[in-house]
PDB file of N, CA and C in Angstrom:
ATOM      1  N   MET A   1      60.488 148.600 101.160  1.00  0.00           N
ATOM      2  CA  MET A   1      61.300 149.615 100.532  1.00  0.00           C
ATOM      3  C   MET A   1      62.227 149.006  99.482  1.00  0.00           C
ATOM      4  N   MET A   2      62.736 147.818  99.760  1.00  0.00           N
ATOM      5  CA  MET A   2      63.653 147.158  98.826  1.00  0.00           C
ATOM      6  C   MET A   2      62.958 146.822  97.507  1.00  0.00           C
ATOM      7  N   GLU A   3      61.656 146.551  97.566  1.00  0.00           N
ATOM      8  CA  GLU A   3      60.916 146.243  96.341  1.00  0.00           C
ATOM      9  C   GLU A   3      60.888 147.433  95.393  1.00  0.00           C
ATOM     10  N   TYR A   4      60.797 148.629  95.954  1.00  0.00           N
ATOM     11  CA  TYR A   4      60.786 149.831  95.119  1.00  0.00           C
ATOM     12  C   TYR A   4      62.135 150.045  94.438  1.00  0.00           C
ATOM     13  N   ILE A   5      63.197 149.799  95.179  1.00  0.00           N
ATOM     14  CA  ILE A   5      64.532 149.965  94.607  1.00  0.00           C
ATOM     15  C   ILE A   5      64.754 148.952  93.487  1.00  0.00           C
ATOM     16  N   ILE A   6      64.342 147.712  93.709  1.00  0.00           N
ATOM     17  CA  ILE A   6      64.468 146.688  92.675  1.00  0.00           C
ATOM     18  C   ILE A   6      63.640 147.061  91.455  1.00  0.00           C
ATOM     19  N   ALA A   7      62.463 147.578  91.668  1.00  0.00           N
ATOM     20  CA  ALA A   7      61.612 147.997  90.546  1.00  0.00           C
ATOM     21  C   ALA A   7      62.244 149.153  89.772  1.00  0.00           C
ATOM     22  N   ILE A   8      62.838 150.092  90.466  1.00  0.00           N
ATOM     23  CA  ILE A   8      63.476 151.231  89.796  1.00  0.00           C
ATOM     24  C   ILE A   8      64.634 150.755  88.928  1.00  0.00           C
ATOM     25  N   PHE A   9      65.482 149.874  89.454  1.00  0.00           N
ATOM     26  CA  PHE A   9      66.602 149.373  88.657  1.00  0.00           C
ATOM     27  C   PHE A   9      66.116 148.504  87.499  1.00  0.00           C
ATOM     28  N   GLY A  10      65.040 147.780  87.703  1.00  0.00           N
ATOM     29  CA  GLY A  10      64.456 147.006  86.610  1.00  0.00           C
ATOM     30  C   GLY A  10      63.940 147.904  85.499  1.00  0.00           C
ATOM     31  N   ILE A  11      63.307 149.003  85.867  1.00  0.00           N
ATOM     32  CA  ILE A  11      62.818 149.967  84.873  1.00  0.00           C
ATOM     33  C   ILE A  11      63.986 150.599  84.127  1.00  0.00           C
ATOM     34  N   ILE A  12      65.065 150.919  84.835  1.00  0.00           N
ATOM     35  CA  ILE A  12      66.251 151.479  84.183  1.00  0.00           C
ATOM     36  C   ILE A  12      66.816 150.483  83.173  1.00  0.00           C
ATOM     37  N   ALA A  13      66.897 149.220  83.537  1.00  0.00           N
ATOM     38  CA  ALA A  13      67.408 148.198  82.614  1.00  0.00           C
ATOM     39  C   ALA A  13      66.508 148.059  81.400  1.00  0.00           C
ATOM     40  N   LEU A  14      65.199 148.095  81.602  1.00  0.00           N
ATOM     41  CA  LEU A  14      64.265 147.998  80.472  1.00  0.00           C
ATOM     42  C   LEU A  14      64.344 149.216  79.561  1.00  0.00           C
ATOM     43  N   ILE A  15      64.492 150.394  80.131  1.00  0.00           N
ATOM     44  CA  ILE A  15      64.642 151.603  79.318  1.00  0.00           C
ATOM     45  C   ILE A  15      65.892 151.489  78.450  1.00  0.00           C
ATOM     46  N   GLY A  16      66.979 151.019  79.019  1.00  0.00           N
ATOM     47  CA  GLY A  16      68.204 150.836  78.242  1.00  0.00           C
ATOM     48  C   GLY A  16      68.040 149.806  77.140  1.00  0.00           C
ATOM     49  N   ALA A  17      67.325 148.712  77.434  1.00  0.00           N
ATOM     50  CA  ALA A  17      67.102 147.677  76.420  1.00  0.00           C
ATOM     51  C   ALA A  17      66.242 148.206  75.277  1.00  0.00           C
ATOM     52  N   PHE A  18      65.171 148.926  75.600  1.00  0.00           N
ATOM     53  CA  PHE A  18      64.313 149.484  74.551  1.00  0.00           C
ATOM     54  C   PHE A  18      65.029 150.553  73.743  1.00  0.00           C
ATOM     55  N   THR A  19      65.853 151.358  74.400  1.00  0.00           N
ATOM     56  CA  THR A  19      66.631 152.373  73.689  1.00  0.00           C
ATOM     57  C   THR A  19      67.591 151.711  72.710  1.00  0.00           C
ATOM     58  N   THR A  20      68.247 150.650  73.153  1.00  0.00           N
ATOM     59  CA  THR A  20      69.172 149.937  72.279  1.00  0.00           C
ATOM     60  C   THR A  20      68.442 149.324  71.096  1.00  0.00           C
ATOM     61  N   TYR A  21      67.260 148.808  71.318  1.00  0.00           N
ATOM     62  CA  TYR A  21      66.494 148.155  70.262  1.00  0.00           C
ATOM     63  C   TYR A  21      65.936 149.154  69.248  1.00  0.00           C
ATOM     64  N   LEU A  22      65.458 150.289  69.716  1.00  0.00           N
ATOM     65  CA  LEU A  22      64.746 151.211  68.845  1.00  0.00           C
ATOM     66  C   LEU A  22      65.649 152.167  68.063  1.00  0.00           C
ATOM     67  N   ARG A  23      66.802 152.511  68.582  1.00  0.00           N
ATOM     68  CA  ARG A  23      67.657 153.510  67.936  1.00  0.00           C
ATOM     69  C   ARG A  23      68.465 152.881  66.806  1.00  0.00           C
ATOM     70  N   THR A  24      68.774 153.689  65.796  1.00  0.00           N
ATOM     71  CA  THR A  24      69.553 153.188  64.662  1.00  0.00           C
ATOM     72  C   THR A  24      70.999 153.670  64.687  1.00  0.00           C
ATOM     73  N   SER A  25      71.262 154.769  65.351  1.00  0.00           N
ATOM     74  CA  SER A  25      72.614 155.312  65.413  1.00  0.00           C
ATOM     75  C   SER A  25      73.481 154.452  66.341  1.00  0.00           C
ATOM     76  N   PRO A  26      74.719 154.155  65.931  1.00  0.00           N
ATOM     77  CA  PRO A  26      75.592 153.365  66.813  1.00  0.00           C
ATOM     78  C   PRO A  26      75.878 154.057  68.135  1.00  0.00           C
ATOM     79  N   PHE A  27      75.953 155.382  68.126  1.00  0.00           N
ATOM     80  CA  PHE A  27      76.194 156.124  69.360  1.00  0.00           C
ATOM     81  C   PHE A  27      75.016 155.958  70.326  1.00  0.00           C
ATOM     82  N   ASP A  28      73.800 156.062  69.802  1.00  0.00           N
ATOM     83  CA  ASP A  28      72.621 155.901  70.651  1.00  0.00           C
ATOM     84  C   ASP A  28      72.510 154.481  71.189  1.00  0.00           C
ATOM     85  N   LYS A  29      72.877 153.501  70.371  1.00  0.00           N
ATOM     86  CA  LYS A  29      72.836 152.117  70.834  1.00  0.00           C
ATOM     87  C   LYS A  29      73.823 151.876  71.980  1.00  0.00           C
ATOM     88  N   LEU A  30      75.007 152.449  71.882  1.00  0.00           N
ATOM     89  CA  LEU A  30      75.986 152.272  72.954  1.00  0.00           C
ATOM     90  C   LEU A  30      75.553 152.969  74.236  1.00  0.00           C
ATOM     91  N   ILE A  31      74.912 154.101  74.101  1.00  0.00           N
ATOM     92  CA  ILE A  31      74.374 154.778  75.280  1.00  0.00           C
ATOM     93  C   ILE A  31      73.279 153.923  75.921  1.00  0.00           C
ATOM     94  N   GLY A  32      72.445 153.302  75.093  1.00  0.00           N
ATOM     95  CA  GLY A  32      71.409 152.404  75.607  1.00  0.00           C
ATOM     96  C   GLY A  32      71.997 151.202  76.328  1.00  0.00           C
ATOM     97  N   VAL A  33      73.075 150.649  75.796  1.00  0.00           N
ATOM     98  CA  VAL A  33      73.737 149.517  76.453  1.00  0.00           C
ATOM     99  C   VAL A  33      74.315 149.950  77.793  1.00  0.00           C
ATOM    100  N   ALA A  34      74.875 151.152  77.856  1.00  0.00           N
ATOM    101  CA  ALA A  34      75.421 151.649  79.123  1.00  0.00           C
ATOM    102  C   ALA A  34      74.314 151.849  80.155  1.00  0.00           C
ATOM    103  N   ILE A  35      73.160 152.369  79.725  1.00  0.00           N
ATOM    104  CA  ILE A  35      72.027 152.541  80.645  1.00  0.00           C
ATOM    105  C   ILE A  35      71.536 151.185  81.127  1.00  0.00           C
ATOM    106  N   MET A  36      71.452 150.226  80.210  1.00  0.00           N
ATOM    107  CA  MET A  36      71.000 148.899  80.580  1.00  0.00           C
ATOM    108  C   MET A  36      71.970 148.255  81.575  1.00  0.00           C
ATOM    109  N   THR A  37      73.246 148.433  81.367  1.00  0.00           N
ATOM    110  CA  THR A  37      74.244 147.888  82.285  1.00  0.00           C
ATOM    111  C   THR A  37      74.110 148.512  83.671  1.00  0.00           C
ATOM    112  N   GLY A  38      73.858 149.814  83.707  1.00  0.00           N
ATOM    113  CA  GLY A  38      73.654 150.487  84.989  1.00  0.00           C
ATOM    114  C   GLY A  38      72.451 149.949  85.748  1.00  0.00           C
ATOM    115  N   GLY A  39      71.455 149.467  85.031  1.00  0.00           N
ATOM    116  CA  GLY A  39      70.297 148.881  85.687  1.00  0.00           C
ATOM    117  C   GLY A  39      70.498 147.432  86.088  1.00  0.00           C
ATOM    118  N   VAL A  40      71.414 146.735  85.415  1.00  0.00           N
ATOM    119  CA  VAL A  40      71.620 145.309  85.679  1.00  0.00           C
ATOM    120  C   VAL A  40      72.624 145.070  86.804  1.00  0.00           C
ATOM    121  N   ILE A  41      73.610 145.926  86.938  1.00  0.00           N
ATOM    122  CA  ILE A  41      74.668 145.717  87.939  1.00  0.00           C
ATOM    123  C   ILE A  41      74.110 145.555  89.364  1.00  0.00           C
ATOM    124  N   PRO A  42      73.112 146.329  89.808  1.00  0.00           N
ATOM    125  CA  PRO A  42      72.594 146.095  91.163  1.00  0.00           C
ATOM    126  C   PRO A  42      72.013 144.694  91.370  1.00  0.00           C
ATOM    127  N   PHE A  43      71.425 144.102  90.325  1.00  0.00           N
ATOM    128  CA  PHE A  43      70.906 142.746  90.459  1.00  0.00           C
ATOM    129  C   PHE A  43      72.041 141.733  90.616  1.00  0.00           C
ATOM    130  N   VAL A  44      73.143 141.975  89.937  1.00  0.00           N
ATOM    131  CA  VAL A  44      74.310 141.094  90.080  1.00  0.00           C
ATOM    132  C   VAL A  44      74.869 141.201  91.491  1.00  0.00           C
ATOM    133  N   VAL A  45      74.908 142.415  92.032  1.00  0.00           N
ATOM    134  CA  VAL A  45      75.429 142.615  93.389  1.00  0.00           C
ATOM    135  C   VAL A  45      74.499 141.988  94.422  1.00  0.00           C
ATOM    136  N   ILE A  46      73.191 142.110  94.228  1.00  0.00           N
ATOM    137  CA  ILE A  46      72.233 141.518  95.173  1.00  0.00           C
ATOM    138  C   ILE A  46      72.411 140.003  95.249  1.00  0.00           C
ATOM    139  N   LYS A  47      72.708 139.374  94.110  1.00  0.00           N
ATOM    140  CA  LYS A  47      72.900 137.923  94.100  1.00  0.00           C
ATOM    141  C   LYS A  47      74.219 137.498  94.739  1.00  0.00           C
ATOM    142  N   GLY A  48      75.104 138.452  95.009  1.00  0.00           N
ATOM    143  CA  GLY A  48      76.340 138.128  95.691  1.00  0.00           C
ATOM    144  C   GLY A  48      77.545 137.979  94.791  1.00  0.00           C
ATOM    145  N   TYR A  49      77.404 138.298  93.516  1.00  0.00           N
ATOM    146  CA  TYR A  49      78.521 138.179  92.581  1.00  0.00           C
ATOM    147  C   TYR A  49      79.229 139.521  92.443  1.00  0.00           C
ATOM    148  N   LEU A  50      79.877 139.940  93.500  1.00  0.00           N
ATOM    149  CA  LEU A  50      80.539 141.235  93.502  1.00  0.00           C
ATOM    150  C   LEU A  50      81.707 141.273  92.521  1.00  0.00           C
ATOM    151  N   ASP A  51      82.410 140.156  92.371  1.00  0.00           N
ATOM    152  CA  ASP A  51      83.524 140.123  91.432  1.00  0.00           C
ATOM    153  C   ASP A  51      83.044 140.278  89.990  1.00  0.00           C
ATOM    154  N   VAL A  52      81.909 139.695  89.670  1.00  0.00           N
ATOM    155  CA  VAL A  52      81.337 139.851  88.329  1.00  0.00           C
ATOM    156  C   VAL A  52      80.890 141.296  88.107  1.00  0.00           C
ATOM    157  N   ALA A  53      80.330 141.913  89.122  1.00  0.00           N
ATOM    158  CA  ALA A  53      79.909 143.310  89.003  1.00  0.00           C
ATOM    159  C   ALA A  53      81.105 144.228  88.783  1.00  0.00           C
ATOM    160  N   ILE A  54      82.216 143.933  89.439  1.00  0.00           N
ATOM    161  CA  ILE A  54      83.420 144.741  89.246  1.00  0.00           C
ATOM    162  C   ILE A  54      83.940 144.591  87.823  1.00  0.00           C
ATOM    163  N   VAL A  55      83.938 143.374  87.309  1.00  0.00           N
ATOM    164  CA  VAL A  55      84.399 143.145  85.937  1.00  0.00           C
ATOM    165  C   VAL A  55      83.488 143.867  84.943  1.00  0.00           C
ATOM    166  N   ILE A  56      82.188 143.797  85.147  1.00  0.00           N
ATOM    167  CA  ILE A  56      81.252 144.493  84.263  1.00  0.00           C
ATOM    168  C   ILE A  56      81.490 145.996  84.326  1.00  0.00           C
ATOM    169  N   ALA A  57      81.679 146.513  85.520  1.00  0.00           N
ATOM    170  CA  ALA A  57      81.897 147.953  85.680  1.00  0.00           C
ATOM    171  C   ALA A  57      83.197 148.413  85.041  1.00  0.00           C
ATOM    172  N   LEU A  58      84.181 147.541  84.931  1.00  0.00           N
ATOM    173  CA  LEU A  58      85.440 147.906  84.290  1.00  0.00           C
ATOM    174  C   LEU A  58      85.428 147.679  82.785  1.00  0.00           C
ATOM    175  N   VAL A  59      84.770 146.642  82.331  1.00  0.00           N
ATOM    176  CA  VAL A  59      84.807 146.281  80.914  1.00  0.00           C
ATOM    177  C   VAL A  59      83.881 147.148  80.068  1.00  0.00           C
ATOM    178  N   VAL A  60      82.681 147.423  80.522  1.00  0.00           N
ATOM    179  CA  VAL A  60      81.702 148.142  79.704  1.00  0.00           C
ATOM    180  C   VAL A  60      82.173 149.537  79.309  1.00  0.00           C
ATOM    181  N   PRO A  61      82.690 150.373  80.202  1.00  0.00           N
ATOM    182  CA  PRO A  61      83.144 151.698  79.743  1.00  0.00           C
ATOM    183  C   PRO A  61      84.308 151.638  78.763  1.00  0.00           C
ATOM    184  N   VAL A  62      85.233 150.705  78.985  1.00  0.00           N
ATOM    185  CA  VAL A  62      86.381 150.596  78.087  1.00  0.00           C
ATOM    186  C   VAL A  62      85.934 150.144  76.701  1.00  0.00           C
ATOM    187  N   THR A  63      85.089 149.128  76.632  1.00  0.00           N
ATOM    188  CA  THR A  63      84.612 148.669  75.329  1.00  0.00           C
ATOM    189  C   THR A  63      83.734 149.720  74.657  1.00  0.00           C
ATOM    190  N   THR A  64      83.001 150.495  75.437  1.00  0.00           N
ATOM    191  CA  THR A  64      82.195 151.569  74.856  1.00  0.00           C
ATOM    192  C   THR A  64      83.082 152.605  74.186  1.00  0.00           C
ATOM    193  N   ILE A  65      84.176 152.959  74.817  1.00  0.00           N
ATOM    194  CA  ILE A  65      85.101 153.925  74.219  1.00  0.00           C
ATOM    195  C   ILE A  65      85.662 153.382  72.910  1.00  0.00           C
ATOM    196  N   PHE A  66      86.079 152.113  72.898  1.00  0.00           N
ATOM    197  CA  PHE A  66      86.623 151.524  71.677  1.00  0.00           C
ATOM    198  C   PHE A  66      85.569 151.448  70.576  1.00  0.00           C
ATOM    199  N   MET A  67      84.341 151.086  70.941  1.00  0.00           N
ATOM    200  CA  MET A  67      83.282 150.978  69.936  1.00  0.00           C
ATOM    201  C   MET A  67      82.903 152.344  69.377  1.00  0.00           C
ATOM    202  N   LEU A  68      82.899 153.373  70.197  1.00  0.00           N
ATOM    203  CA  LEU A  68      82.610 154.722  69.704  1.00  0.00           C
ATOM    204  C   LEU A  68      83.690 155.184  68.732  1.00  0.00           C
ATOM    205  N   GLN A  69      84.941 154.893  69.018  1.00  0.00           N
ATOM    206  CA  GLN A  69      86.011 155.261  68.103  1.00  0.00           C
ATOM    207  C   GLN A  69      85.907 154.485  66.792  1.00  0.00           C
ATOM    208  N   ALA A  70      85.571 153.204  66.868  1.00  0.00           N
ATOM    209  CA  ALA A  70      85.453 152.392  65.652  1.00  0.00           C
ATOM    210  C   ALA A  70      84.267 152.850  64.801  1.00  0.00           C
ATOM    211  N   SER A  71      83.148 153.182  65.434  1.00  0.00           N
ATOM    212  CA  SER A  71      81.987 153.605  64.649  1.00  0.00           C
ATOM    213  C   SER A  71      82.194 155.018  64.097  1.00  0.00           C
ATOM    214  N   ARG A  72      82.978 155.843  64.743  1.00  0.00           N
ATOM    215  CA  ARG A  72      83.281 157.184  64.236  1.00  0.00           C
ATOM    216  C   ARG A  72      84.125 157.069  62.963  1.00  0.00           C
ATOM    217  N   ARG A  73      85.071 156.138  62.943  1.00  0.00           N
ATOM    218  CA  ARG A  73      85.893 155.947  61.743  1.00  0.00           C
ATOM    219  C   ARG A  73      85.041 155.437  60.583  1.00  0.00           C
ATOM    220  N   GLY A  74      84.067 154.594  60.873  1.00  0.00           N
ATOM    221  CA  GLY A  74      83.208 154.046  59.823  1.00  0.00           C
ATOM    222  C   GLY A  74      82.283 155.083  59.219  1.00  0.00           C
ATOM    223  N   MET A  75      82.003 156.170  59.940  1.00  0.00           N
ATOM    224  CA  MET A  75      81.102 157.188  59.437  1.00  0.00           C
ATOM    225  C   MET A  75      81.787 158.148  58.473  1.00  0.00           C
ATOM    226  N   ARG A  76      83.106 158.214  58.504  1.00  0.00           N
ATOM    227  CA  ARG A  76      83.825 159.156  57.642  1.00  0.00           C
ATOM    228  C   ARG A  76      83.963 158.673  56.251  1.00  0.00           C
TER     229      ARG A  76
END
């Protein structure tokens, strides 16, 4: 059963990576990075780096908000 869960999170991470690579809009790229992060965090937790997973979970949303605001200003 654990193999299926690992495969699902791996697919989520790959979908996020491909979305980030293929899209041209900065908003779409940031959404792809967030999806990829959601797929990678379980692998970090499985390896036992819970503190790193907490830092990733706190840093990615905050930086995403700042990057969305910066790219919105650049579009005007």
